Amino acid sequence: MQFVCDAPDGKTWFRIETEAEALAESRLMSHAVEKHFRQFRDAAIATYVPSASLPYIERDIGLGDHVRRSMPVFVTLRDANGGGLATAMLPPEGVRPDRFRCIVVGPSNTDPFADHGDAIAALAGHFKIALDSALCYPYRRG
């Protein structure tokens, strides 16, 4: 995982970078982030077109960067002891937030905004996007 930004009360946001990290997040948080991570990663890989000028052995050199730019940003909020608090899916690089539905969920798909709204606001400020609970929490009832 890669450090993204600090949040109030000793909390920290980290970027989920691999399928193994996404799987660990799914198990820790009892939700399906790993499934979504894999689907978006596979879709990004499918759109990769290597440079025709590269020798065959070097054709996938840019694949990792392409995937990183093309797929949504998956992040996890951890407490000071490494405990999982929330998971978010944010727009890929260069995609306007109004053209992408950001999602933020807590353990077992609970609403994290009441307990971690300040940390979610720190993440929103870091990425310069709005993360409103009415739009980002997909399991709201009523």
C-alpha atoms as a PDB file:
ATOM      1  CA  MET A   1       0.000   0.000   0.000  1.00  0.00           C
ATOM      2  CA  GLN A   2       1.090   3.532  -0.656  1.00  0.00           C
ATOM      3  CA  PHE A   3       0.611   6.442   1.747  1.00  0.00           C
ATOM      4  CA  VAL A   4      -1.951   8.962   0.454  1.00  0.00           C
ATOM      5  CA  CYS A   5      -2.578  11.443   3.268  1.00  0.00           C
ATOM      6  CA  ASP A   6      -3.004  11.837   6.994  1.00  0.00           C
ATOM      7  CA  ALA A   7      -6.403  12.426   8.574  1.00  0.00           C
ATOM      8  CA  PRO A   8      -7.450  13.682  12.024  1.00  0.00           C
ATOM      9  CA  ASP A   9      -7.177  11.544  15.154  1.00  0.00           C
ATOM     10  CA  GLY A  10      -4.164   9.517  14.013  1.00  0.00           C
ATOM     11  CA  LYS A  11      -5.940   8.059  10.981  1.00  0.00           C
ATOM     12  CA  THR A  12      -4.221   7.589   7.613  1.00  0.00           C
ATOM     13  CA  TRP A  13      -5.360   6.939   4.045  1.00  0.00           C
ATOM     14  CA  PHE A  14      -3.424   4.432   1.930  1.00  0.00           C
ATOM     15  CA  ARG A  15      -3.787   3.495  -1.738  1.00  0.00           C
ATOM     16  CA  ILE A  16      -4.528  -0.148  -2.486  1.00  0.00           C
ATOM     17  CA  GLU A  17      -2.150  -1.074  -5.308  1.00  0.00           C
ATOM     18  CA  THR A  18      -2.375  -4.847  -5.809  1.00  0.00           C
ATOM     19  CA  GLU A  19      -4.973  -7.589  -5.967  1.00  0.00           C
ATOM     20  CA  ALA A  20      -3.426  -9.119  -2.830  1.00  0.00           C
ATOM     21  CA  GLU A  21      -3.951  -5.846  -0.954  1.00  0.00           C
ATOM     22  CA  ALA A  22      -7.517  -5.627  -2.274  1.00  0.00           C
ATOM     23  CA  LEU A  23      -8.181  -9.193  -1.130  1.00  0.00           C
ATOM     24  CA  ALA A  24      -6.783  -8.419   2.327  1.00  0.00           C
ATOM     25  CA  GLU A  25      -8.986  -5.309   2.466  1.00  0.00           C
ATOM     26  CA  SER A  26     -12.069  -7.343   1.516  1.00  0.00           C
ATOM     27  CA  ARG A  27     -11.356  -9.847   4.267  1.00  0.00           C
ATOM     28  CA  LEU A  28     -10.557  -7.206   6.887  1.00  0.00           C
ATOM     29  CA  MET A  29     -13.570  -5.055   6.049  1.00  0.00           C
ATOM     30  CA  SER A  30     -16.061  -7.813   5.089  1.00  0.00           C
ATOM     31  CA  HIS A  31     -16.971  -6.322   1.738  1.00  0.00           C
ATOM     32  CA  ALA A  32     -16.295  -6.878  -1.974  1.00  0.00           C
ATOM     33  CA  VAL A  33     -13.632  -4.294  -2.828  1.00  0.00           C
ATOM     34  CA  GLU A  34     -11.392  -7.058  -4.197  1.00  0.00           C
ATOM     35  CA  LYS A  35     -14.018  -8.013  -6.803  1.00  0.00           C
ATOM     36  CA  HIS A  36     -14.351  -4.413  -7.987  1.00  0.00           C
ATOM     37  CA  PHE A  37     -10.587  -3.841  -7.952  1.00  0.00           C
ATOM     38  CA  ARG A  38     -10.061  -6.927 -10.117  1.00  0.00           C
ATOM     39  CA  GLN A  39     -12.840  -5.968 -12.565  1.00  0.00           C
ATOM     40  CA  PHE A  40     -11.471  -2.448 -13.072  1.00  0.00           C
ATOM     41  CA  ARG A  41      -7.888  -3.720 -13.293  1.00  0.00           C
ATOM     42  CA  ASP A  42      -8.845  -6.303 -15.943  1.00  0.00           C
ATOM     43  CA  ALA A  43     -10.712  -3.624 -17.913  1.00  0.00           C
ATOM     44  CA  ALA A  44      -7.681  -1.309 -17.766  1.00  0.00           C
ATOM     45  CA  ILE A  45      -5.363  -4.085 -18.947  1.00  0.00           C
ATOM     46  CA  ALA A  46      -7.704  -4.779 -21.863  1.00  0.00           C
ATOM     47  CA  THR A  47      -7.351  -1.183 -23.083  1.00  0.00           C
ATOM     48  CA  TYR A  48      -3.541  -1.194 -23.057  1.00  0.00           C
ATOM     49  CA  VAL A  49      -1.935  -0.806 -26.472  1.00  0.00           C
ATOM     50  CA  PRO A  50       1.853  -1.162 -26.362  1.00  0.00           C
ATOM     51  CA  SER A  51       4.031   0.914 -28.628  1.00  0.00           C
ATOM     52  CA  ALA A  52       4.572  -0.813 -31.972  1.00  0.00           C
ATOM     53  CA  SER A  53       8.164   0.440 -31.971  1.00  0.00           C
ATOM     54  CA  LEU A  54       9.121  -1.612 -28.916  1.00  0.00           C
ATOM     55  CA  PRO A  55      10.615  -5.082 -29.244  1.00  0.00           C
ATOM     56  CA  TYR A  56       8.259  -7.870 -28.123  1.00  0.00           C
ATOM     57  CA  ILE A  57      10.173  -8.453 -24.896  1.00  0.00           C
ATOM     58  CA  GLU A  58       9.657  -4.798 -23.870  1.00  0.00           C
ATOM     59  CA  ARG A  59       6.037  -4.366 -24.957  1.00  0.00           C
ATOM     60  CA  ASP A  60       4.545  -4.451 -21.453  1.00  0.00           C
ATOM     61  CA  ILE A  61       6.961  -1.963 -19.884  1.00  0.00           C
ATOM     62  CA  GLY A  62       4.261   0.738 -19.778  1.00  0.00           C
ATOM     63  CA  LEU A  63       1.435  -1.574 -18.682  1.00  0.00           C
ATOM     64  CA  GLY A  64       1.708  -0.828 -14.964  1.00  0.00           C
ATOM     65  CA  ASP A  65       1.579   2.939 -15.494  1.00  0.00           C
ATOM     66  CA  HIS A  66      -1.340   2.570 -17.907  1.00  0.00           C
ATOM     67  CA  VAL A  67      -3.317   0.488 -15.396  1.00  0.00           C
ATOM     68  CA  ARG A  68      -2.564   2.937 -12.589  1.00  0.00           C
ATOM     69  CA  ARG A  69      -3.797   5.887 -14.683  1.00  0.00           C
ATOM     70  CA  SER A  70      -6.810   4.088 -16.150  1.00  0.00           C
ATOM     71  CA  MET A  71      -8.492   2.406 -13.205  1.00  0.00           C
ATOM     72  CA  PRO A  72     -10.210   4.007 -10.215  1.00  0.00           C
ATOM     73  CA  VAL A  73      -8.147   4.842  -7.157  1.00  0.00           C
ATOM     74  CA  PHE A  74      -8.926   2.453  -4.301  1.00  0.00           C
ATOM     75  CA  VAL A  75      -7.972   3.671  -0.826  1.00  0.00           C
ATOM     76  CA  THR A  76      -8.313   2.422   2.722  1.00  0.00           C
ATOM     77  CA  LEU A  77      -8.566   4.387   5.950  1.00  0.00           C
ATOM     78  CA  ARG A  78      -6.607   2.910   8.860  1.00  0.00           C
ATOM     79  CA  ASP A  79      -6.418   3.847  12.512  1.00  0.00           C
ATOM     80  CA  ALA A  80      -3.114   4.314  14.357  1.00  0.00           C
ATOM     81  CA  ASN A  81      -2.947   0.554  15.019  1.00  0.00           C
ATOM     82  CA  GLY A  82      -3.632  -0.445  11.393  1.00  0.00           C
ATOM     83  CA  GLY A  83      -7.286  -1.282  11.961  1.00  0.00           C
ATOM     84  CA  GLY A  84      -9.573  -0.885   8.945  1.00  0.00           C
ATOM     85  CA  LEU A  85     -12.106   1.937   9.152  1.00  0.00           C
ATOM     86  CA  ALA A  86     -13.304   2.700   5.610  1.00  0.00           C
ATOM     87  CA  THR A  87     -12.643   1.932   1.954  1.00  0.00           C
ATOM     88  CA  ALA A  88     -13.155   4.345  -0.941  1.00  0.00           C
ATOM     89  CA  MET A  89     -13.176   4.169  -4.720  1.00  0.00           C
ATOM     90  CA  LEU A  90     -12.281   7.463  -6.401  1.00  0.00           C
ATOM     91  CA  PRO A  91     -12.036   8.527 -10.063  1.00  0.00           C
ATOM     92  CA  PRO A  92      -9.094   7.458 -12.211  1.00  0.00           C
ATOM     93  CA  GLU A  93      -6.482  10.109 -12.990  1.00  0.00           C
ATOM     94  CA  GLY A  94      -7.855  12.722 -15.361  1.00  0.00           C
ATOM     95  CA  VAL A  95     -11.509  11.732 -14.967  1.00  0.00           C
ATOM     96  CA  ARG A  96     -13.727  14.512 -13.688  1.00  0.00           C
ATOM     97  CA  PRO A  97     -15.449  13.574 -10.422  1.00  0.00           C
ATOM     98  CA  ASP A  98     -18.840  14.559 -11.876  1.00  0.00           C
ATOM     99  CA  ARG A  99     -18.391  11.781 -14.457  1.00  0.00           C
ATOM    100  CA  PHE A 100     -17.582   9.082 -11.919  1.00  0.00           C
ATOM    101  CA  ARG A 101     -19.501   7.797  -8.904  1.00  0.00           C
ATOM    102  CA  CYS A 102     -17.217   7.807  -5.901  1.00  0.00           C
ATOM    103  CA  ILE A 103     -18.013   5.190  -3.273  1.00  0.00           C
ATOM    104  CA  VAL A 104     -17.078   5.191   0.415  1.00  0.00           C
ATOM    105  CA  VAL A 105     -18.055   2.339   2.730  1.00  0.00           C
ATOM    106  CA  GLY A 106     -17.175   1.101   6.184  1.00  0.00           C
ATOM    107  CA  PRO A 107     -16.828  -2.455   7.501  1.00  0.00           C
ATOM    108  CA  SER A 108     -19.555  -4.775   6.154  1.00  0.00           C
ATOM    109  CA  ASN A 109     -20.706  -1.933   3.878  1.00  0.00           C
ATOM    110  CA  THR A 110     -21.811   0.269   6.777  1.00  0.00           C
ATOM    111  CA  ASP A 111     -21.971   4.050   6.477  1.00  0.00           C
ATOM    112  CA  PRO A 112     -18.574   5.459   7.540  1.00  0.00           C
ATOM    113  CA  PHE A 113     -19.526   9.140   7.368  1.00  0.00           C
ATOM    114  CA  ALA A 114     -20.849   9.520  10.922  1.00  0.00           C
ATOM    115  CA  ASP A 115     -17.722   8.123  12.585  1.00  0.00           C
ATOM    116  CA  HIS A 116     -15.086   9.142  10.035  1.00  0.00           C
ATOM    117  CA  GLY A 117     -16.489  12.209   8.271  1.00  0.00           C
ATOM    118  CA  ASP A 118     -13.451  14.283   9.212  1.00  0.00           C
ATOM    119  CA  ALA A 119     -11.113  11.690   7.707  1.00  0.00           C
ATOM    120  CA  ILE A 120     -13.246  11.468   4.557  1.00  0.00           C
ATOM    121  CA  ALA A 121     -13.127  15.272   4.312  1.00  0.00           C
ATOM    122  CA  ALA A 122      -9.318  15.101   4.545  1.00  0.00           C
ATOM    123  CA  LEU A 123      -9.284  12.617   1.645  1.00  0.00           C
ATOM    124  CA  ALA A 124     -11.634  14.839  -0.371  1.00  0.00           C
ATOM    125  CA  GLY A 125      -9.370  17.821   0.265  1.00  0.00           C
ATOM    126  CA  HIS A 126      -6.295  15.861  -0.761  1.00  0.00           C
ATOM    127  CA  PHE A 127      -7.842  14.872  -4.114  1.00  0.00           C
ATOM    128  CA  LYS A 128      -9.758  18.164  -4.476  1.00  0.00           C
ATOM    129  CA  ILE A 129     -13.080  16.401  -4.967  1.00  0.00           C
ATOM    130  CA  ALA A 130     -16.400  16.346  -3.127  1.00  0.00           C
ATOM    131  CA  LEU A 131     -17.203  13.227  -1.121  1.00  0.00           C
ATOM    132  CA  ASP A 132     -20.749  13.779   0.074  1.00  0.00           C
ATOM    133  CA  SER A 133     -22.399  10.969   2.032  1.00  0.00           C
ATOM    134  CA  ALA A 134     -25.657  11.301   0.083  1.00  0.00           C
ATOM    135  CA  LEU A 135     -23.801  10.609  -3.177  1.00  0.00           C
ATOM    136  CA  CYS A 136     -20.930   8.363  -2.081  1.00  0.00           C
ATOM    137  CA  TYR A 137     -22.565   5.910   0.286  1.00  0.00           C
ATOM    138  CA  PRO A 138     -24.444   3.500  -2.006  1.00  0.00           C
ATOM    139  CA  TYR A 139     -26.474   1.645   0.616  1.00  0.00           C
ATOM    140  CA  ARG A 140     -28.457   4.559   2.036  1.00  0.00           C
ATOM    141  CA  ARG A 141     -32.043   3.652   2.832  1.00  0.00           C
ATOM    142  CA  GLY A 142     -35.006   5.936   2.637  1.00  0.00           C
END
